[in-house]
Amino acid sequence: MSELSSSTIALQVNGEARHCAPGTQLPDFLTQLGLNPRLVAVEYNGEILHRQFWERTTLQKGDRLEIVTIVGGG
């Protein structure tokens, strides 16, 4: 087993394989991806996850995230 796979967990983000440290909370992961958590919507394992639950959401092996960036304009 490689060092990467033993020290990280695998998840799917917008259909692509990603890794993060065990115990990573959703807002921290979004920041690691270079996203502003205030400007995205997240589907977590097939369900829209309301922002009030983000701080309590610890990512687990095999989780599936769909992240949509909110863009304003006119």
C-alpha atoms as a PDB file:
ATOM      1  CA  MET A   1       0.000   0.000   0.000  1.00  0.00           C
ATOM      2  CA  SER A   2       1.405   3.388  -0.895  1.00  0.00           C
ATOM      3  CA  GLU A   3       2.065   6.129   1.623  1.00  0.00           C
ATOM      4  CA  LEU A   4      -0.617   8.320   0.008  1.00  0.00           C
ATOM      5  CA  SER A   5      -3.333   5.686   0.356  1.00  0.00           C
ATOM      6  CA  SER A   6      -2.423   4.788   3.953  1.00  0.00           C
ATOM      7  CA  SER A   7      -2.472   8.392   5.192  1.00  0.00           C
ATOM      8  CA  THR A   8      -5.493   9.634   3.222  1.00  0.00           C
ATOM      9  CA  ILE A   9      -9.034   8.638   2.372  1.00  0.00           C
ATOM     10  CA  ALA A  10     -10.404   8.463  -1.172  1.00  0.00           C
ATOM     11  CA  LEU A  11     -13.558  10.270  -2.257  1.00  0.00           C
ATOM     12  CA  GLN A  12     -15.245  11.405  -5.452  1.00  0.00           C
ATOM     13  CA  VAL A  13     -15.516  15.132  -6.155  1.00  0.00           C
ATOM     14  CA  ASN A  14     -17.472  16.118  -9.260  1.00  0.00           C
ATOM     15  CA  GLY A  15     -16.785  12.645 -10.655  1.00  0.00           C
ATOM     16  CA  GLU A  16     -13.019  12.755 -10.067  1.00  0.00           C
ATOM     17  CA  ALA A  17     -11.000  10.844  -7.492  1.00  0.00           C
ATOM     18  CA  ARG A  18      -9.642  13.041  -4.696  1.00  0.00           C
ATOM     19  CA  HIS A  19      -7.940  12.378  -1.381  1.00  0.00           C
ATOM     20  CA  CYS A  20      -7.946  14.058   1.995  1.00  0.00           C
ATOM     21  CA  ALA A  21      -6.692  13.363   5.486  1.00  0.00           C
ATOM     22  CA  PRO A  22      -8.912  11.294   7.770  1.00  0.00           C
ATOM     23  CA  GLY A  23     -11.021  13.570   9.970  1.00  0.00           C
ATOM     24  CA  THR A  24     -11.181  16.409   7.424  1.00  0.00           C
ATOM     25  CA  GLN A  25     -14.306  18.516   7.801  1.00  0.00           C
ATOM     26  CA  LEU A  26     -16.153  19.729   4.728  1.00  0.00           C
ATOM     27  CA  PRO A  27     -15.323  23.474   5.027  1.00  0.00           C
ATOM     28  CA  ASP A  28     -11.617  22.659   5.396  1.00  0.00           C
ATOM     29  CA  PHE A  29     -11.717  20.404   2.341  1.00  0.00           C
ATOM     30  CA  LEU A  30     -13.389  23.099   0.264  1.00  0.00           C
ATOM     31  CA  THR A  31     -10.636  25.519   1.276  1.00  0.00           C
ATOM     32  CA  GLN A  32      -7.987  22.917   0.376  1.00  0.00           C
ATOM     33  CA  LEU A  33      -9.547  22.754  -3.095  1.00  0.00           C
ATOM     34  CA  GLY A  34      -9.106  26.525  -3.393  1.00  0.00           C
ATOM     35  CA  LEU A  35     -12.831  27.219  -3.121  1.00  0.00           C
ATOM     36  CA  ASN A  36     -14.527  29.894  -1.059  1.00  0.00           C
ATOM     37  CA  PRO A  37     -17.033  27.937   1.077  1.00  0.00           C
ATOM     38  CA  ARG A  38     -19.371  30.940   1.015  1.00  0.00           C
ATOM     39  CA  LEU A  39     -19.686  30.724  -2.772  1.00  0.00           C
ATOM     40  CA  VAL A  40     -20.479  27.038  -3.329  1.00  0.00           C
ATOM     41  CA  ALA A  41     -23.358  24.606  -2.949  1.00  0.00           C
ATOM     42  CA  VAL A  42     -22.602  20.999  -2.013  1.00  0.00           C
ATOM     43  CA  GLU A  43     -24.375  17.745  -2.752  1.00  0.00           C
ATOM     44  CA  TYR A  44     -23.128  15.131  -0.285  1.00  0.00           C
ATOM     45  CA  ASN A  45     -23.761  11.479  -1.161  1.00  0.00           C
ATOM     46  CA  GLY A  46     -26.727  12.383  -3.334  1.00  0.00           C
ATOM     47  CA  GLU A  47     -28.360  14.920  -0.998  1.00  0.00           C
ATOM     48  CA  ILE A  48     -28.055  18.706  -0.943  1.00  0.00           C
ATOM     49  CA  LEU A  49     -26.238  19.488   2.296  1.00  0.00           C
ATOM     50  CA  HIS A  50     -27.478  22.644   4.000  1.00  0.00           C
ATOM     51  CA  ARG A  51     -24.671  24.943   5.073  1.00  0.00           C
ATOM     52  CA  GLN A  52     -25.651  24.666   8.756  1.00  0.00           C
ATOM     53  CA  PHE A  53     -24.436  21.031   8.721  1.00  0.00           C
ATOM     54  CA  TRP A  54     -21.086  21.630   7.032  1.00  0.00           C
ATOM     55  CA  GLU A  55     -19.085  22.122  10.252  1.00  0.00           C
ATOM     56  CA  ARG A  56     -20.429  18.789  11.550  1.00  0.00           C
ATOM     57  CA  THR A  57     -19.681  16.902   8.335  1.00  0.00           C
ATOM     58  CA  THR A  58     -16.479  14.879   8.528  1.00  0.00           C
ATOM     59  CA  LEU A  59     -15.529  13.341   5.207  1.00  0.00           C
ATOM     60  CA  GLN A  60     -15.447   9.547   5.060  1.00  0.00           C
ATOM     61  CA  LYS A  61     -13.885   7.045   2.678  1.00  0.00           C
ATOM     62  CA  GLY A  62     -16.029   6.696  -0.438  1.00  0.00           C
ATOM     63  CA  ASP A  63     -18.049   9.897   0.028  1.00  0.00           C
ATOM     64  CA  ARG A  64     -19.374  11.474  -3.172  1.00  0.00           C
ATOM     65  CA  LEU A  65     -19.426  15.257  -3.454  1.00  0.00           C
ATOM     66  CA  GLU A  66     -20.814  17.425  -6.211  1.00  0.00           C
ATOM     67  CA  ILE A  67     -19.664  21.008  -5.750  1.00  0.00           C
ATOM     68  CA  VAL A  68     -21.232  23.855  -7.681  1.00  0.00           C
ATOM     69  CA  THR A  69     -19.721  27.338  -7.644  1.00  0.00           C
ATOM     70  CA  ILE A  70     -22.238  30.150  -7.350  1.00  0.00           C
ATOM     71  CA  VAL A  71     -21.579  32.867  -9.921  1.00  0.00           C
ATOM     72  CA  GLY A  72     -23.332  36.215  -9.935  1.00  0.00           C
ATOM     73  CA  GLY A  73     -23.661  38.492 -12.857  1.00  0.00           C
ATOM     74  CA  GLY A  74     -25.999  40.184 -15.169  1.00  0.00           C
END
